């Protein structure tokens, strides 16, 4: 079964950190992310999650 998570991070650093912990602990396969934490034009805080990132 494919495990999918949808989350709105509201551009928050703390929410991004919580997502990373949940993603690994719950073995989530796909995360649908709205309003990621951004600095300049870069999405931040998701570098240590396995897999790929798409905007």
Protein backbone atom coordinates (compact mmCIF):
# COMPACT_ATOMS: atom_id res chain seq x y z
CA UNK A 1 0.00 0.00 0.00
CA UNK A 2 1.26 3.50 -0.86
CA UNK A 3 1.42 5.89 2.11
CA UNK A 4 0.64 9.51 1.14
CA UNK A 5 0.78 12.62 3.32
CA UNK A 6 -0.59 16.08 2.47
CA UNK A 7 0.63 19.05 4.49
CA UNK A 8 0.65 22.85 4.36
CA UNK A 9 3.87 24.04 6.01
CA UNK A 10 2.83 27.73 5.99
CA UNK A 11 6.45 28.67 5.17
CA UNK A 12 7.52 27.61 8.70
CA UNK A 13 10.92 26.16 9.62
CA UNK A 14 9.47 24.26 12.61
CA UNK A 15 6.73 22.66 10.48
CA UNK A 16 9.36 21.55 7.98
CA UNK A 17 11.40 19.91 10.76
CA UNK A 18 8.27 18.13 12.03
CA UNK A 19 7.50 16.90 8.51
CA UNK A 20 11.00 15.42 8.19
CA UNK A 21 10.61 13.49 11.45
CA UNK A 22 7.14 12.19 10.57
CA UNK A 23 8.19 11.30 7.01
CA UNK A 24 10.95 9.01 8.26
CA UNK A 25 9.17 7.61 11.34
CA UNK A 26 5.95 6.72 9.50
CA UNK A 27 7.66 5.48 6.30
CA UNK A 28 5.69 7.89 4.11
CA UNK A 29 6.10 7.20 0.38
CA UNK A 30 4.79 10.49 -1.03
CA UNK A 31 4.46 13.92 0.58
CA UNK A 32 2.27 16.56 -1.09
CA UNK A 33 3.67 19.82 0.28
CA UNK A 34 2.08 23.24 0.05
CA UNK A 35 3.79 26.49 1.10
CA UNK A 36 7.25 25.06 1.88
CA UNK A 37 9.85 26.97 3.90
CA UNK A 38 11.63 29.17 1.34
CA UNK A 39 14.70 31.38 1.55
CA UNK A 40 15.23 33.50 -1.53
CA UNK A 41 14.16 31.19 -4.34
CA UNK A 42 15.24 27.96 -2.63
CA UNK A 43 13.12 25.41 -0.79
CA UNK A 44 14.81 24.84 2.57
CA UNK A 45 14.93 22.04 5.13
CA UNK A 46 14.14 19.04 2.94
CA UNK A 47 17.68 18.06 2.00
CA UNK A 48 17.89 15.18 4.46
CA UNK A 49 14.73 13.38 3.27
CA UNK A 50 15.39 10.44 0.98
CA UNK A 51 13.91 10.48 -2.50
CA UNK A 52 13.28 13.33 -4.91
CA UNK A 53 11.81 16.79 -4.59
CA UNK A 54 9.68 18.43 -7.24
CA UNK A 55 8.21 21.89 -7.33
